[in-house]
N, C-alpha and C. Protein backbone atom coordinates (compact mmCIF):
# COMPACT_ATOMS: atom_id res chain seq x y z
N MET A 1 5.35 14.37 34.05
CA MET A 1 5.02 14.59 35.08
C MET A 1 5.86 15.70 35.39
N SER A 2 5.64 16.49 36.53
CA SER A 2 6.81 17.62 36.76
C SER A 2 6.85 17.30 38.55
N ILE A 3 8.27 16.57 38.78
CA ILE A 3 8.58 16.27 39.98
C ILE A 3 9.75 17.36 40.79
N TYR A 4 9.25 18.02 42.14
CA TYR A 4 10.07 18.67 42.74
C TYR A 4 11.64 18.46 43.10
N GLU A 5 12.19 19.28 42.65
CA GLU A 5 14.00 19.02 43.23
C GLU A 5 14.51 19.76 43.74
N ARG A 6 14.62 19.03 44.93
CA ARG A 6 15.49 19.93 46.53
C ARG A 6 16.62 20.88 45.87
N ASP A 7 17.54 20.70 44.92
CA ASP A 7 18.93 21.17 44.68
C ASP A 7 18.39 22.63 44.04
N SER A 8 17.71 22.60 43.23
CA SER A 8 17.18 24.03 42.51
C SER A 8 15.82 24.28 43.03
N GLY A 9 15.24 24.06 43.67
CA GLY A 9 13.73 24.51 44.55
C GLY A 9 12.84 24.83 43.48
N SER A 10 12.80 23.80 42.58
CA SER A 10 11.75 24.21 41.78
C SER A 10 11.42 23.08 41.15
N PHE A 11 10.51 23.15 40.32
CA PHE A 11 9.68 21.31 39.84
C PHE A 11 10.53 21.35 38.28
N LYS A 12 10.68 20.29 37.70
CA LYS A 12 11.43 20.00 37.19
C LYS A 12 10.30 18.73 35.83
N PHE A 13 9.94 19.49 34.56
CA PHE A 13 9.38 18.22 34.01
C PHE A 13 9.95 17.19 33.53
N HIS A 14 9.27 16.06 33.36
CA HIS A 14 10.06 14.77 33.14
C HIS A 14 9.14 14.04 32.38
N PRO A 15 9.67 14.22 31.18
CA PRO A 15 8.45 13.72 29.81
C PRO A 15 8.53 12.00 30.21
N GLY A 16 7.15 11.38 29.73
CA GLY A 16 6.69 10.16 29.72
C GLY A 16 7.13 9.27 28.65
N PRO A 17 6.70 8.33 28.26
CA PRO A 17 7.17 7.68 27.41
C PRO A 17 6.17 7.73 26.10
N ILE A 18 5.31 8.80 25.79
CA ILE A 18 4.57 9.15 25.19
C ILE A 18 5.74 10.04 24.01
N PHE A 19 6.58 10.36 24.66
CA PHE A 19 7.23 11.50 24.07
C PHE A 19 8.65 10.67 22.89
N ALA A 20 8.34 9.48 22.04
CA ALA A 20 8.70 9.14 21.32
C ALA A 20 8.57 9.07 19.53
N GLN A 21 9.01 8.37 18.76
CA GLN A 21 8.61 8.45 17.63
C GLN A 21 7.44 7.33 17.39
N VAL A 22 7.86 6.58 17.77
CA VAL A 22 6.94 5.56 17.89
C VAL A 22 6.48 4.75 19.13
N ILE A 23 5.09 4.53 19.63
CA ILE A 23 4.49 4.24 20.67
C ILE A 23 3.80 3.08 20.54
N LEU A 24 4.20 1.96 21.18
CA LEU A 24 3.66 0.95 21.25
C LEU A 24 2.44 0.63 22.32
N ALA A 25 1.13 0.36 22.24
CA ALA A 25 0.30 0.49 23.27
C ALA A 25 -0.09 -0.75 23.42
N ASP A 26 0.89 -1.76 24.26
CA ASP A 26 -0.05 -3.35 23.85
C ASP A 26 -0.65 -3.39 24.53
N GLU A 27 -2.11 -4.30 24.17
CA GLU A 27 -3.14 -4.54 24.73
C GLU A 27 -3.88 -3.52 25.16
N VAL A 28 -4.02 -2.20 24.20
CA VAL A 28 -4.36 -1.37 24.78
C VAL A 28 -5.69 -1.24 25.40
N ASN A 29 -6.79 -1.92 25.19
CA ASN A 29 -8.38 -2.41 25.62
C ASN A 29 -7.92 -2.64 26.87
N ARG A 30 -6.60 -2.78 27.56
CA ARG A 30 -6.86 -3.39 28.77
C ARG A 30 -6.44 -2.41 29.77
N ALA A 31 -6.25 -1.43 29.06
CA ALA A 31 -5.79 -0.05 29.82
C ALA A 31 -7.05 0.66 30.56
N THR A 32 -6.87 1.52 31.84
CA THR A 32 -8.16 2.05 31.90
C THR A 32 -8.83 3.57 31.03
N PRO A 33 -9.55 3.55 30.79
CA PRO A 33 -10.18 4.43 29.95
C PRO A 33 -9.58 5.92 30.60
N LYS A 34 -9.09 6.38 31.44
CA LYS A 34 -8.45 7.60 31.91
C LYS A 34 -6.67 7.59 31.25
N THR A 35 -6.27 6.16 31.00
CA THR A 35 -4.92 5.66 30.30
C THR A 35 -5.15 6.28 28.82
N GLN A 36 -6.43 5.58 28.50
CA GLN A 36 -6.81 5.84 27.09
C GLN A 36 -7.12 7.25 26.32
N SER A 37 -7.62 7.53 27.30
CA SER A 37 -8.03 8.95 27.12
C SER A 37 -6.72 10.23 26.74
N ALA A 38 -5.86 9.65 27.59
CA ALA A 38 -4.82 10.64 27.62
C ALA A 38 -3.73 10.54 26.47
N LEU A 39 -4.26 9.48 25.27
CA LEU A 39 -3.55 9.17 23.87
C LEU A 39 -4.46 10.36 23.18
N LEU A 40 -5.60 10.59 23.40
CA LEU A 40 -6.54 11.44 22.05
C LEU A 40 -5.91 12.88 21.66
N GLU A 41 -5.41 13.85 22.46
CA GLU A 41 -4.75 14.65 22.41
C GLU A 41 -3.21 14.49 21.43
N ALA A 42 -2.60 13.61 22.13
CA ALA A 42 -1.11 13.05 20.95
C ALA A 42 -1.44 12.63 19.80
N MET A 43 -2.54 11.67 19.68
CA MET A 43 -2.72 11.15 18.29
C MET A 43 -3.06 11.77 17.55
N GLU A 44 -4.03 12.88 17.92
CA GLU A 44 -4.56 13.74 17.16
C GLU A 44 -3.81 15.08 16.58
N GLU A 45 -3.23 15.75 17.49
CA GLU A 45 -2.45 17.50 17.47
C GLU A 45 -1.19 16.77 17.64
N HIS A 46 -0.40 15.40 17.78
CA HIS A 46 1.12 15.63 17.80
C HIS A 46 1.35 16.46 18.97
N GLN A 47 0.97 16.69 19.98
CA GLN A 47 1.38 17.57 21.13
C GLN A 47 0.94 16.79 22.56
N VAL A 48 1.10 17.57 23.78
CA VAL A 48 0.82 17.04 25.05
C VAL A 48 0.90 18.28 25.63
N THR A 49 -0.14 18.25 26.12
CA THR A 49 -0.42 19.58 27.36
C THR A 49 -0.49 19.50 28.63
N ALA A 50 0.14 19.44 29.34
CA ALA A 50 -0.01 19.51 30.80
C ALA A 50 0.59 20.64 31.64
N GLU A 51 -0.05 21.10 32.51
CA GLU A 51 0.22 21.72 33.86
C GLU A 51 -0.05 23.25 32.89
N GLY A 52 -0.54 23.90 31.78
CA GLY A 52 -0.82 24.67 31.16
C GLY A 52 0.25 24.87 29.74
N GLU A 53 1.24 23.92 29.80
CA GLU A 53 2.02 23.92 28.89
C GLU A 53 2.16 23.08 28.03
N THR A 54 2.19 23.33 26.40
CA THR A 54 1.87 22.73 25.40
C THR A 54 3.22 22.18 24.65
N ARG A 55 3.25 20.89 24.70
CA ARG A 55 4.97 20.58 23.93
C ARG A 55 4.77 19.38 22.68
N LYS A 56 5.39 19.76 21.81
CA LYS A 56 5.23 18.98 20.73
C LYS A 56 5.80 17.64 20.75
N LEU A 57 5.58 16.92 20.25
CA LEU A 57 5.98 15.28 20.03
C LEU A 57 7.08 15.73 18.69
N PRO A 58 7.48 14.50 18.84
CA PRO A 58 9.00 14.14 17.98
C PRO A 58 7.93 14.06 16.26
N GLU A 59 8.77 14.32 15.77
CA GLU A 59 8.24 13.76 14.01
C GLU A 59 9.29 12.80 13.45
N PRO A 60 8.88 11.97 12.76
CA PRO A 60 7.40 11.54 12.58
C PRO A 60 6.91 10.82 13.80
N PHE A 61 5.71 10.74 14.28
CA PHE A 61 4.98 10.20 15.18
C PHE A 61 3.98 9.28 15.17
N PHE A 62 4.15 8.23 15.63
CA PHE A 62 2.93 6.73 15.25
C PHE A 62 2.51 6.30 16.57
N VAL A 63 1.41 5.94 16.68
CA VAL A 63 0.57 4.86 17.84
C VAL A 63 0.60 3.80 17.21
N ILE A 64 1.15 2.96 17.78
CA ILE A 64 0.72 1.39 16.74
C ILE A 64 0.34 0.47 17.95
N ALA A 65 -1.03 0.08 17.88
CA ALA A 65 -1.62 -0.60 19.56
C ALA A 65 -2.18 -2.16 19.29
N THR A 66 -2.25 -2.93 20.11
CA THR A 66 -2.82 -4.11 20.26
C THR A 66 -4.07 -4.19 20.93
N GLN A 67 -4.95 -5.22 20.72
CA GLN A 67 -5.81 -5.11 21.30
C GLN A 67 -6.44 -6.68 21.58
N ASN A 68 -7.18 -7.05 22.91
CA ASN A 68 -7.23 -8.31 22.57
C ASN A 68 -8.86 -8.22 22.29
N PRO A 69 -9.80 -9.50 22.25
CA PRO A 69 -10.95 -9.54 21.84
C PRO A 69 -11.86 -9.07 23.15
N THR A 70 -12.68 -8.50 22.73
CA THR A 70 -13.55 -7.82 23.67
C THR A 70 -14.30 -8.45 24.60
N GLU A 71 -14.56 -9.96 24.24
CA GLU A 71 -15.36 -11.15 25.13
C GLU A 71 -14.15 -11.25 26.48
N GLN A 72 -13.09 -10.77 26.40
CA GLN A 72 -11.96 -11.73 26.94
C GLN A 72 -12.35 -11.03 28.60
N VAL A 73 -11.94 -11.09 29.81
CA VAL A 73 -12.18 -10.69 30.96
C VAL A 73 -10.97 -9.77 31.25
N GLY A 74 -11.16 -8.80 31.85
CA GLY A 74 -10.54 -7.53 31.89
C GLY A 74 -9.91 -6.70 30.94
N THR A 75 -10.70 -6.58 29.86
CA THR A 75 -11.00 -5.33 28.89
C THR A 75 -12.00 -4.58 28.88
N PHE A 76 -11.33 -3.70 28.36
CA PHE A 76 -12.15 -1.95 28.45
C PHE A 76 -12.81 -1.49 26.82
N PRO A 77 -13.71 -1.45 26.66
CA PRO A 77 -14.20 -0.94 24.89
C PRO A 77 -13.33 0.46 24.79
N LEU A 78 -12.82 0.59 23.59
CA LEU A 78 -12.60 1.29 22.94
C LEU A 78 -13.60 2.37 22.64
N PRO A 79 -13.65 4.04 22.94
CA PRO A 79 -14.45 4.66 23.15
C PRO A 79 -14.23 5.02 21.63
N GLU A 80 -15.31 5.42 21.03
CA GLU A 80 -15.50 5.88 19.65
C GLU A 80 -14.49 7.10 19.38
N SER A 81 -14.62 7.91 19.82
CA SER A 81 -13.33 9.15 19.95
C SER A 81 -12.19 8.35 19.51
N GLN A 82 -11.78 7.57 20.52
CA GLN A 82 -10.48 6.99 20.07
C GLN A 82 -10.43 6.00 18.92
N LEU A 83 -11.14 5.27 19.09
CA LEU A 83 -10.71 4.64 17.80
C LEU A 83 -10.84 5.19 16.39
N ASP A 84 -11.49 6.05 16.44
CA ASP A 84 -11.78 7.16 15.11
C ASP A 84 -10.23 7.75 14.90
N ARG A 85 -9.75 8.03 15.76
CA ARG A 85 -8.20 8.47 15.94
C ARG A 85 -7.47 7.33 15.48
N PHE A 86 -7.67 6.51 15.12
CA PHE A 86 -6.49 5.47 14.40
C PHE A 86 -6.89 4.94 13.18
N LEU A 87 -5.80 5.52 11.72
CA LEU A 87 -5.99 5.37 10.95
C LEU A 87 -6.42 4.04 10.19
N MET A 88 -5.95 3.00 10.62
CA MET A 88 -6.65 1.72 9.92
C MET A 88 -6.75 0.70 11.45
N ARG A 89 -7.16 -0.27 11.12
CA ARG A 89 -7.21 -1.54 11.86
C ARG A 89 -7.11 -3.00 11.45
N ILE A 90 -5.85 -3.39 11.70
CA ILE A 90 -5.56 -4.66 10.71
C ILE A 90 -5.52 -6.14 11.76
N GLU A 91 -6.43 -6.95 11.09
CA GLU A 91 -6.40 -8.21 12.02
C GLU A 91 -5.21 -9.14 10.94
N LEU A 92 -4.19 -9.48 12.28
CA LEU A 92 -2.78 -10.38 11.98
C LEU A 92 -3.77 -11.51 11.59
N GLY A 93 -4.25 -12.44 12.28
CA GLY A 93 -4.84 -13.63 12.70
C GLY A 93 -3.76 -14.22 13.10
N TYR A 94 -3.95 -15.63 12.81
CA TYR A 94 -2.73 -17.07 13.25
C TYR A 94 -1.85 -16.50 12.39
N PRO A 95 -0.46 -16.80 12.91
CA PRO A 95 0.44 -17.30 11.40
C PRO A 95 0.17 -18.40 10.67
N ASP A 96 0.88 -18.36 9.54
CA ASP A 96 0.52 -20.02 8.77
C ASP A 96 1.70 -20.69 9.13
N ARG A 97 1.53 -22.24 8.92
CA ARG A 97 2.16 -22.89 9.82
C ARG A 97 4.09 -22.79 9.29
N THR A 98 4.30 -22.34 8.21
CA THR A 98 5.45 -22.22 7.62
C THR A 98 6.15 -20.71 8.32
N ALA A 99 5.42 -20.02 8.76
CA ALA A 99 5.80 -18.93 9.63
C ALA A 99 6.09 -19.48 11.26
N GLU A 100 5.14 -20.09 11.66
CA GLU A 100 5.00 -20.74 13.07
C GLU A 100 5.88 -21.41 13.20
N ARG A 101 6.54 -22.52 12.46
CA ARG A 101 7.41 -23.49 12.60
C ARG A 101 8.91 -22.34 12.41
N ALA A 102 9.22 -21.54 11.79
CA ALA A 102 10.28 -20.39 11.76
C ALA A 102 10.17 -19.95 13.40
N LEU A 103 8.85 -19.75 13.72
CA LEU A 103 9.17 -18.73 15.07
C LEU A 103 9.59 -19.42 16.06
N LEU A 104 9.10 -20.79 16.09
CA LEU A 104 9.67 -22.48 16.88
C LEU A 104 10.74 -22.49 17.05
N SER A 105 11.04 -22.53 15.35
CA SER A 105 12.66 -23.11 15.60
C SER A 105 13.85 -22.05 15.53
N GLY A 106 13.68 -20.93 15.46
CA GLY A 106 14.42 -19.69 14.93
C GLY A 106 14.94 -19.05 16.61
N THR A 107 15.61 -17.94 16.27
CA THR A 107 16.18 -17.29 17.25
C THR A 107 15.10 -16.82 18.32
N ASP A 108 15.33 -16.22 19.49
CA ASP A 108 14.35 -15.40 20.00
C ASP A 108 13.98 -14.36 19.35
N ARG A 109 12.93 -14.11 19.35
CA ARG A 109 12.45 -12.49 18.48
C ARG A 109 12.97 -11.68 19.32
N ARG A 110 13.42 -11.52 20.71
CA ARG A 110 13.69 -10.23 21.37
C ARG A 110 15.38 -9.87 20.86
N ASP A 111 15.87 -11.33 20.60
CA ASP A 111 17.27 -11.05 19.93
C ASP A 111 17.35 -10.98 18.73
N LEU A 112 16.45 -11.04 17.92
CA LEU A 112 16.14 -10.60 16.79
C LEU A 112 16.37 -8.98 16.67
N LEU A 113 15.75 -8.50 17.34
CA LEU A 113 15.51 -7.27 17.35
C LEU A 113 17.21 -6.45 17.25
N ALA A 114 17.99 -7.10 17.60
CA ALA A 114 19.73 -5.95 17.88
C ALA A 114 20.39 -6.26 16.44
N SER A 115 19.63 -7.36 15.68
CA SER A 115 20.23 -7.53 14.30
C SER A 115 19.63 -6.91 13.49
N LEU A 116 18.38 -6.27 13.57
CA LEU A 116 17.68 -5.52 12.14
C LEU A 116 18.61 -4.19 11.93
N ASP A 117 17.99 -3.96 10.70
CA ASP A 117 18.96 -3.06 10.18
C ASP A 117 17.75 -1.82 9.99
N ALA A 118 18.00 -0.67 9.50
CA ALA A 118 17.24 0.70 9.57
C ALA A 118 16.91 0.60 8.26
N CYS A 119 15.30 0.34 7.93
CA CYS A 119 14.94 0.33 6.38
C CYS A 119 15.33 2.06 6.04
N MET A 120 15.21 3.11 6.89
CA MET A 120 15.11 4.37 6.29
C MET A 120 15.40 5.20 7.32
N SER A 121 15.98 6.40 7.37
CA SER A 121 16.33 7.57 8.27
C SER A 121 14.48 8.09 8.92
N PRO A 122 14.11 8.88 9.77
CA PRO A 122 13.54 9.39 10.03
C PRO A 122 12.85 10.69 9.22
N GLY A 123 13.77 11.42 8.22
CA GLY A 123 13.85 12.17 7.54
C GLY A 123 13.23 11.88 6.17
N GLU A 124 13.93 10.65 5.68
CA GLU A 124 13.38 9.81 4.90
C GLU A 124 12.01 9.45 5.08
N LEU A 125 11.43 9.07 5.99
CA LEU A 125 10.18 9.11 6.29
C LEU A 125 9.50 10.18 5.94
N VAL A 126 9.88 11.09 6.74
CA VAL A 126 8.95 12.44 6.80
C VAL A 126 8.65 12.81 5.18
N GLU A 127 9.94 12.60 4.24
CA GLU A 127 9.83 12.95 3.04
C GLU A 127 9.00 12.34 2.31
N LEU A 128 8.73 11.01 2.58
CA LEU A 128 7.76 10.05 2.10
C LEU A 128 6.23 10.57 2.17
N GLN A 129 6.15 10.96 3.39
CA GLN A 129 4.72 11.52 4.00
C GLN A 129 4.27 12.94 3.44
N GLY A 130 5.27 13.53 2.83
CA GLY A 130 5.03 14.76 2.14
C GLY A 130 4.62 14.06 0.78
N ASN A 131 5.55 13.50 0.05
CA ASN A 131 4.80 12.94 -1.06
C ASN A 131 3.86 12.27 -1.72
N ALA A 132 3.48 11.71 -0.33
CA ALA A 132 2.01 11.00 -0.20
C ALA A 132 0.73 12.00 -0.34
N GLN A 133 1.45 12.81 0.10
CA GLN A 133 0.01 13.87 0.51
C GLN A 133 -0.13 15.45 -1.23
N ARG A 134 1.42 14.97 -1.73
CA ARG A 134 1.19 15.51 -3.21
C ARG A 134 0.53 14.66 -3.93
N VAL A 135 0.22 13.69 -4.09
CA VAL A 135 -0.47 12.57 -5.10
C VAL A 135 -1.59 13.38 -5.15
N HIS A 136 -1.75 13.41 -6.63
CA HIS A 136 -3.29 14.05 -7.09
C HIS A 136 -4.61 13.41 -7.09
N VAL A 137 -5.59 13.98 -6.24
CA VAL A 137 -6.87 13.22 -5.81
C VAL A 137 -7.90 14.38 -6.64
N ALA A 138 -8.59 13.57 -7.93
CA ALA A 138 -9.43 13.99 -8.61
C ALA A 138 -10.69 14.69 -8.14
N PRO A 139 -11.48 15.36 -8.62
CA PRO A 139 -12.75 15.73 -8.10
C PRO A 139 -13.68 14.63 -8.05
N ALA A 140 -13.79 13.68 -9.22
CA ALA A 140 -14.43 12.73 -9.22
C ALA A 140 -14.76 11.49 -8.21
N LEU A 141 -12.63 11.62 -8.05
CA LEU A 141 -12.53 10.57 -7.09
C LEU A 141 -12.78 10.90 -5.51
N LEU A 142 -13.04 12.23 -5.21
CA LEU A 142 -13.38 12.69 -4.06
C LEU A 142 -14.88 12.89 -3.90
N ASP A 143 -15.89 12.47 -5.03
CA ASP A 143 -17.33 12.43 -4.89
C ASP A 143 -17.56 10.94 -4.84
N TYR A 144 -16.58 9.89 -5.44
CA TYR A 144 -16.41 8.39 -4.92
C TYR A 144 -16.39 8.23 -3.14
N VAL A 145 -15.26 9.44 -2.94
CA VAL A 145 -15.44 8.96 -0.99
C VAL A 145 -16.19 9.64 -0.51
N GLN A 146 -16.91 10.78 -0.87
CA GLN A 146 -18.36 11.28 -0.02
C GLN A 146 -19.59 10.52 -0.41
N ALA A 147 -19.35 10.11 -1.41
CA ALA A 147 -21.00 8.88 -1.87
C ALA A 147 -20.50 7.99 -0.88
N ILE A 148 -19.65 7.14 -0.61
CA ILE A 148 -19.09 6.31 0.63
C ILE A 148 -19.34 6.48 2.03
N VAL A 149 -19.07 7.81 2.21
CA VAL A 149 -19.07 8.24 3.39
C VAL A 149 -20.58 8.97 3.94
N GLU A 150 -21.78 9.19 2.60
CA GLU A 150 -22.83 9.69 2.84
C GLU A 150 -23.57 7.87 3.05
N TYR A 151 -23.38 7.24 2.02
CA TYR A 151 -24.19 6.02 2.18
C TYR A 151 -24.20 5.45 3.66
N SER A 152 -22.48 5.38 4.52
CA SER A 152 -22.83 4.74 5.64
C SER A 152 -23.25 5.41 6.67
N ARG A 153 -23.75 6.58 6.30
CA ARG A 153 -24.21 7.85 7.53
C ARG A 153 -25.99 7.44 7.20
N ARG A 154 -26.39 6.57 6.04
CA ARG A 154 -27.68 6.74 5.62
C ARG A 154 -28.37 5.52 6.16
N SER A 155 -27.18 4.81 5.76
CA SER A 155 -27.88 3.24 5.72
C SER A 155 -28.31 2.53 7.10
N PRO A 156 -29.55 2.17 6.81
CA PRO A 156 -29.70 1.30 8.29
C PRO A 156 -28.69 0.23 8.88
N GLU A 157 -27.83 -0.35 8.31
CA GLU A 157 -27.20 -1.46 8.63
C GLU A 157 -25.76 -0.89 10.04
N PHE A 158 -25.98 0.75 9.76
CA PHE A 158 -24.78 0.69 10.93
C PHE A 158 -25.59 1.94 11.65
N SER A 159 -24.69 2.07 12.95
CA SER A 159 -25.39 2.52 14.39
C SER A 159 -25.12 4.23 14.14
N ALA A 160 -23.88 4.56 13.66
CA ALA A 160 -23.32 5.70 12.88
C ALA A 160 -22.52 5.51 12.17
N GLY A 161 -22.49 6.44 10.91
CA GLY A 161 -21.58 6.66 10.11
C GLY A 161 -20.30 6.97 9.73
N LEU A 162 -19.76 7.36 8.88
CA LEU A 162 -18.23 7.50 8.83
C LEU A 162 -17.95 9.49 9.09
N SER A 163 -17.02 9.19 10.23
CA SER A 163 -17.41 10.70 10.57
C SER A 163 -16.20 11.66 8.99
N PRO A 164 -16.32 13.03 9.65
CA PRO A 164 -15.02 13.78 8.50
C PRO A 164 -13.96 13.34 9.02
N ARG A 165 -13.65 13.10 9.93
CA ARG A 165 -12.07 12.32 10.40
C ARG A 165 -11.91 10.96 9.46
N ALA A 166 -12.90 10.11 9.54
CA ALA A 166 -12.79 9.07 8.68
C ALA A 166 -12.65 9.27 7.33
N ALA A 167 -13.52 10.19 6.84
CA ALA A 167 -13.36 10.59 5.31
C ALA A 167 -11.68 10.94 4.98
N LEU A 168 -11.22 11.92 5.56
CA LEU A 168 -10.12 12.18 5.36
C LEU A 168 -8.79 11.21 5.63
N ALA A 169 -9.08 10.16 6.35
CA ALA A 169 -8.21 9.30 6.10
C ALA A 169 -8.12 8.22 5.46
N LEU A 170 -9.60 8.26 4.68
CA LEU A 170 -9.54 7.63 3.85
C LEU A 170 -8.80 7.86 2.39
N VAL A 171 -8.72 8.90 2.25
CA VAL A 171 -7.66 9.92 0.91
C VAL A 171 -6.48 9.78 1.52
N HIS A 172 -6.01 10.20 2.71
CA HIS A 172 -4.95 10.00 3.36
C HIS A 172 -4.45 8.67 2.46
N SER A 173 -5.14 7.51 3.07
CA SER A 173 -4.71 6.06 2.82
C SER A 173 -4.55 5.93 1.13
N ALA A 174 -5.50 6.17 0.64
CA ALA A 174 -5.51 6.09 -0.75
C ALA A 174 -4.59 6.70 -1.46
N ARG A 175 -3.88 7.72 -1.15
CA ARG A 175 -3.02 8.46 -1.67
C ARG A 175 -1.69 7.61 -1.33
N ALA A 176 -1.32 7.28 0.07
CA ALA A 176 -0.17 6.47 0.26
C ALA A 176 0.10 5.28 -0.55
N TRP A 177 -1.35 4.72 -0.74
CA TRP A 177 -1.37 3.26 -1.65
C TRP A 177 -1.13 3.75 -3.28
N ALA A 178 -1.64 4.64 -3.52
CA ALA A 178 -0.98 5.05 -4.93
C ALA A 178 0.30 5.44 -4.82
N LEU A 179 0.99 5.67 -4.16
CA LEU A 179 2.22 6.08 -4.38
C LEU A 179 2.89 4.82 -4.11
N ILE A 180 2.59 3.77 -3.37
CA ILE A 180 3.39 2.73 -3.06
C ILE A 180 3.28 1.94 -4.30
N GLU A 181 2.16 2.02 -4.95
CA GLU A 181 1.89 1.43 -6.28
C GLU A 181 2.72 1.99 -7.34
N GLY A 182 3.39 3.14 -7.15
CA GLY A 182 4.28 4.13 -8.37
C GLY A 182 3.34 5.01 -8.96
N ARG A 183 1.95 5.44 -8.27
CA ARG A 183 1.51 6.31 -9.66
C ARG A 183 1.27 7.61 -8.50
N ASP A 184 1.05 8.82 -9.41
CA ASP A 184 1.03 10.40 -9.29
C ASP A 184 -0.81 10.26 -8.83
N LYS A 185 -1.54 9.48 -9.15
CA LYS A 185 -2.82 9.97 -8.96
C LYS A 185 -3.40 8.77 -8.21
N VAL A 186 -4.86 9.07 -7.29
CA VAL A 186 -5.38 8.31 -6.74
C VAL A 186 -6.45 7.59 -7.79
N ILE A 187 -6.39 6.35 -7.88
CA ILE A 187 -7.90 5.93 -8.61
C ILE A 187 -8.61 5.19 -8.00
N PRO A 188 -10.08 4.71 -7.98
CA PRO A 188 -11.49 4.33 -7.29
C PRO A 188 -10.82 2.47 -6.56
N GLU A 189 -9.71 2.42 -7.27
CA GLU A 189 -9.28 0.56 -6.62
C GLU A 189 -8.59 1.22 -5.47
N ASP A 190 -7.68 2.24 -5.77
CA ASP A 190 -6.96 3.00 -4.23
C ASP A 190 -7.75 2.94 -2.96
N VAL A 191 -8.88 3.39 -3.37
CA VAL A 191 -9.75 3.98 -1.95
C VAL A 191 -10.57 2.57 -2.06
N GLN A 192 -10.94 1.28 -2.56
CA GLN A 192 -11.08 -0.10 -2.49
C GLN A 192 -10.23 -0.78 -1.42
N ALA A 193 -9.06 -0.54 -2.01
CA ALA A 193 -7.98 -1.33 -1.31
C ALA A 193 -8.09 -0.97 0.11
N VAL A 194 -7.74 0.37 0.48
CA VAL A 194 -7.84 0.77 2.01
C VAL A 194 -8.66 0.69 2.60
N LEU A 195 -10.28 1.25 2.01
CA LEU A 195 -11.23 0.72 2.96
C LEU A 195 -11.85 0.22 3.94
N PRO A 196 -11.34 -0.78 3.88
CA PRO A 196 -11.84 -1.91 4.91
C PRO A 196 -10.62 -1.70 5.88
N GLY A 197 -10.05 -1.18 5.93
CA GLY A 197 -8.83 -1.12 7.18
C GLY A 197 -9.00 0.30 7.61
N VAL A 198 -9.78 1.14 6.89
CA VAL A 198 -9.87 2.62 7.30
C VAL A 198 -11.36 2.64 8.19
N ALA A 199 -12.21 1.97 7.56
CA ALA A 199 -13.88 2.16 7.76
C ALA A 199 -13.98 0.86 9.08
N GLY A 200 -13.38 -0.40 8.91
CA GLY A 200 -13.72 -1.60 9.41
C GLY A 200 -14.10 -1.17 11.23
N HIS A 201 -13.03 -0.78 11.97
CA HIS A 201 -12.85 -0.17 13.10
C HIS A 201 -14.08 1.24 13.46
N ARG A 202 -14.54 1.46 12.43
CA ARG A 202 -15.20 2.88 12.75
C ARG A 202 -16.89 2.65 12.73
N LEU A 203 -17.19 1.59 12.12
CA LEU A 203 -18.56 0.97 11.49
C LEU A 203 -19.01 0.15 12.53
N ARG A 204 -20.47 0.09 13.20
CA ARG A 204 -20.92 -1.07 14.06
C ARG A 204 -22.20 -1.38 13.20
N PRO A 205 -22.19 -2.94 13.65
CA PRO A 205 -24.10 -3.04 13.03
C PRO A 205 -25.09 -2.31 13.85
N ALA A 206 -25.94 -1.70 13.18
CA ALA A 206 -26.98 -1.25 13.83
C ALA A 206 -27.86 -1.87 14.83
N HIS A 207 -28.26 -3.55 15.01
CA HIS A 207 -29.06 -4.26 15.64
C HIS A 207 -28.56 -5.12 16.49
N ASP A 208 -27.63 -5.81 15.50
CA ASP A 208 -26.92 -6.91 16.42
C ASP A 208 -25.20 -6.48 16.58
N ALA A 209 -25.13 -6.18 17.70
CA ALA A 209 -23.29 -5.78 18.25
C ALA A 209 -22.56 -6.57 17.90
N THR A 210 -23.01 -8.14 18.13
CA THR A 210 -22.35 -9.27 18.17
C THR A 210 -21.89 -9.94 17.12
N ARG A 211 -22.69 -9.45 15.77
CA ARG A 211 -22.42 -9.46 14.22
C ARG A 211 -21.57 -9.47 13.72
N ARG A 212 -20.79 -9.76 12.86
CA ARG A 212 -19.32 -9.14 12.00
C ARG A 212 -20.05 -9.45 10.68
N ILE A 213 -19.38 -8.44 10.07
CA ILE A 213 -19.92 -7.76 8.92
C ILE A 213 -18.62 -7.65 8.27
N ASP A 214 -18.71 -7.74 6.54
CA ASP A 214 -17.42 -7.29 6.16
C ASP A 214 -17.66 -5.71 5.57
N VAL A 215 -17.30 -4.91 6.37
CA VAL A 215 -17.27 -3.37 6.12
C VAL A 215 -17.13 -3.29 4.75
N GLY A 216 -16.16 -3.58 4.37
CA GLY A 216 -15.36 -2.94 3.25
C GLY A 216 -16.38 -3.34 1.89
N ALA A 217 -16.54 -4.90 2.00
CA ALA A 217 -17.37 -5.48 1.09
C ALA A 217 -18.51 -4.73 0.98
N THR A 218 -19.06 -4.76 2.04
CA THR A 218 -20.72 -4.12 1.75
C THR A 218 -20.45 -2.64 1.22
N LEU A 219 -19.67 -1.95 2.14
CA LEU A 219 -19.65 -0.32 0.85
C LEU A 219 -19.06 -0.33 -0.57
N ILE A 220 -18.35 -1.37 -0.64
CA ILE A 220 -17.89 -1.26 -2.26
C ILE A 220 -18.92 -1.64 -2.91
N ALA A 221 -20.19 -2.66 -2.64
CA ALA A 221 -20.47 -3.53 -3.67
C ALA A 221 -21.48 -2.42 -3.46
N ALA A 222 -22.22 -1.34 -2.48
CA ALA A 222 -23.33 -0.49 -1.95
C ALA A 222 -23.13 0.86 -3.00
N VAL A 223 -22.08 1.30 -3.42
CA VAL A 223 -21.64 2.40 -3.89
C VAL A 223 -21.17 2.31 -5.08
N PRO A 224 -21.74 2.86 -6.09
CA PRO A 224 -20.96 2.34 -7.65
C PRO A 224 -20.10 3.64 -7.40
N ILE A 225 -18.95 3.41 -8.04
CA ILE A 225 -17.90 4.48 -8.79
C ILE A 225 -18.40 5.61 -9.74
N PRO A 226 -18.21 6.83 -9.60
CA PRO A 226 -18.98 7.72 -10.33
C PRO A 226 -18.48 7.27 -12.08
């Protein structure tokens, strides 16, 4: 927002917390719809438009969000337009007994932050992102991705199918997965590995909204590899 400064006699723009490389939106579904909608441009375009001026966000730029179960009091459902901008949804669940014991008997997790070493520099991360985009995707692999997307749109199991943004997310994620596995090309197993995380939050049951289905397994079983 812009704040009037008496000394200069003008307004000065003060960047908010969105102007950072990593944004953690904790319990994002407790935020009001207005706050949620403010993230849409930042997540899609990596920029913020305020008072008629567009400002670029730093690179690399990530939004990581947590959400509470929708049946809890005080939560707002995330609109489809916002869900579609999250590359993946990963369910962590409860820690296993060993991890939880380490949490209970160890140093306070906030104190541990000061002792963490950086894994890589921002420039190295940007370079890795560029390397992922150079991983080869064969036309037959794109046929497989399109078949998955088209099935989700035709199937009576889902209220709405996967969007073009979801198809792009599937290809980008499969490329990154192949790079992590040390390959220079994407294979169908890469698509299947990332499919649950990419499609799970984008597809909803058509008839019973409370029914939980394994979206990844359903799509993998229904769509044969070309």
